[in-house]
Amino acid sequence: MEFVHLLELILIVAILLAVGIPLFGKLQFKKLVEEVPPDRDEYKHLLVRKEETLISIKELEFDFSTDKISEPDYKDLRRRLEAEAAEILEHLDQLEQALKKTNSAKTH
């Protein structure tokens, strides 16, 4: 009786291999953690920071329109946020140009 169970087990393993190898043999395994170039990581961080700054400006405008903040404070905060946004945009432009140069150098 044990011989029959052994044959059944061998048959099941053979079927699983016959079906599994074609299915899983074509899969390309990806790395769990891929190396990210520092300039691309910084670029993504700056995009998030830009969005946060623009949201802060909108919230500041809403607070001023609902009289939650005084006009002098509004003007000061608005000036600071706009300066920060301009700085972020300038840095993003520099990174975009550097990335374009790097990509064009890789294609040539």
Protein backbone atom coordinates (compact mmCIF):
# COMPACT_ATOMS: atom_id res chain seq x y z
CA MET A 1 0.00 0.00 0.00
CA GLU A 2 2.89 2.34 0.78
CA PHE A 3 4.28 1.70 -2.70
CA VAL A 4 1.00 2.98 -4.22
CA HIS A 5 1.21 6.18 -2.14
CA LEU A 6 4.79 6.67 -3.25
CA LEU A 7 3.76 6.31 -6.90
CA GLU A 8 0.90 8.77 -6.37
CA LEU A 9 3.31 11.26 -4.80
CA ILE A 10 5.77 10.88 -7.68
CA LEU A 11 2.94 11.33 -10.19
CA ILE A 12 1.69 14.48 -8.44
CA VAL A 13 5.19 15.97 -8.32
CA ALA A 14 5.72 15.15 -12.01
CA ILE A 15 2.42 16.85 -12.95
CA LEU A 16 3.26 19.91 -10.86
CA LEU A 17 6.68 20.16 -12.50
CA ALA A 18 5.21 19.70 -15.98
CA VAL A 19 2.70 22.49 -15.37
CA GLY A 20 4.83 24.72 -13.13
CA ILE A 21 8.02 24.98 -15.15
CA PRO A 22 6.39 26.60 -18.20
CA LEU A 23 4.35 28.94 -16.00
CA PHE A 24 7.04 30.09 -13.61
CA GLY A 25 9.98 29.72 -15.97
CA LYS A 26 8.87 32.76 -17.98
CA LEU A 27 8.52 35.05 -14.97
CA GLN A 28 11.19 37.66 -14.58
CA PHE A 29 12.03 38.17 -10.96
CA LYS A 30 12.52 41.79 -10.01
CA LYS A 31 14.72 43.07 -7.28
CA LEU A 32 12.87 44.01 -4.13
CA VAL A 33 14.95 47.13 -3.74
CA GLU A 34 16.26 48.92 -6.80
CA GLU A 35 18.98 51.48 -6.68
CA VAL A 36 17.62 54.98 -7.22
CA PRO A 37 19.97 57.63 -8.56
CA PRO A 38 20.32 60.45 -5.99
CA ASP A 39 19.35 63.15 -8.50
CA ARG A 40 16.09 61.37 -9.34
CA ASP A 41 15.29 60.89 -5.64
CA GLU A 42 15.95 64.57 -5.00
CA TYR A 43 13.74 65.48 -7.98
CA LYS A 44 10.82 63.49 -6.56
CA HIS A 45 11.33 65.08 -3.15
CA LEU A 46 11.27 68.55 -4.70
CA LEU A 47 8.05 67.78 -6.59
CA VAL A 48 6.39 66.82 -3.32
CA ARG A 49 7.79 69.91 -1.61
CA LYS A 50 6.46 72.11 -4.44
CA GLU A 51 2.96 70.67 -4.02
CA GLU A 52 3.13 71.18 -0.26
CA THR A 53 4.17 74.80 -0.73
CA LEU A 54 1.35 75.49 -3.21
CA ILE A 55 -1.16 73.92 -0.82
CA SER A 56 0.22 76.08 1.99
CA ILE A 57 -0.33 79.21 -0.13
CA LYS A 58 -3.94 78.18 -0.81
CA GLU A 59 -4.54 77.51 2.88
CA LEU A 60 -3.00 80.87 3.76
CA GLU A 61 -5.32 82.63 1.30
CA PHE A 62 -8.30 80.83 2.80
CA ASP A 63 -7.23 81.78 6.33
CA PHE A 64 -6.84 85.41 5.28
CA SER A 65 -10.22 85.47 3.52
CA THR A 66 -11.90 84.10 6.67
CA ASP A 67 -10.10 86.64 8.90
CA LYS A 68 -8.11 84.01 10.76
CA ILE A 69 -4.88 85.86 10.06
CA SER A 70 -3.99 89.56 9.99
CA GLU A 71 -2.98 91.33 6.78
CA PRO A 72 0.64 91.99 7.83
CA ASP A 73 1.10 88.32 8.80
CA TYR A 74 -0.59 87.24 5.57
CA LYS A 75 1.73 89.40 3.45
CA ASP A 76 4.83 88.19 5.31
CA LEU A 77 3.90 84.51 5.11
CA ARG A 78 2.82 84.83 1.49
CA ARG A 79 6.14 86.44 0.57
CA ARG A 80 8.08 83.65 2.31
CA LEU A 81 6.03 80.87 0.69
CA GLU A 82 6.35 82.44 -2.77
CA ALA A 83 10.13 82.77 -2.30
CA GLU A 84 10.31 79.12 -1.25
CA ALA A 85 8.19 78.05 -4.23
CA ALA A 86 10.40 80.04 -6.62
CA GLU A 87 13.53 78.46 -5.14
CA ILE A 88 12.04 74.97 -5.50
CA LEU A 89 11.01 75.63 -9.11
CA GLU A 90 14.47 76.90 -9.94
CA HIS A 91 16.08 73.82 -8.40
CA LEU A 92 13.63 71.57 -10.28
CA ASP A 93 14.58 73.25 -13.56
CA GLN A 94 18.28 72.68 -12.84
CA LEU A 95 17.67 69.01 -12.06
CA GLU A 96 15.53 68.56 -15.20
CA GLN A 97 18.32 69.99 -17.34
CA ALA A 98 20.89 67.74 -15.64
CA LEU A 99 18.66 64.69 -16.16
CA LYS A 100 18.17 65.55 -19.83
CA LYS A 101 21.93 65.87 -20.30
CA THR A 102 22.50 62.53 -18.56
CA ASN A 103 19.81 60.79 -20.64
CA SER A 104 21.09 62.25 -23.90
CA ALA A 105 24.63 61.19 -23.00
CA LYS A 106 23.41 57.63 -22.37
CA THR A 107 21.64 57.44 -25.76
CA HIS A 108 24.67 58.66 -27.73
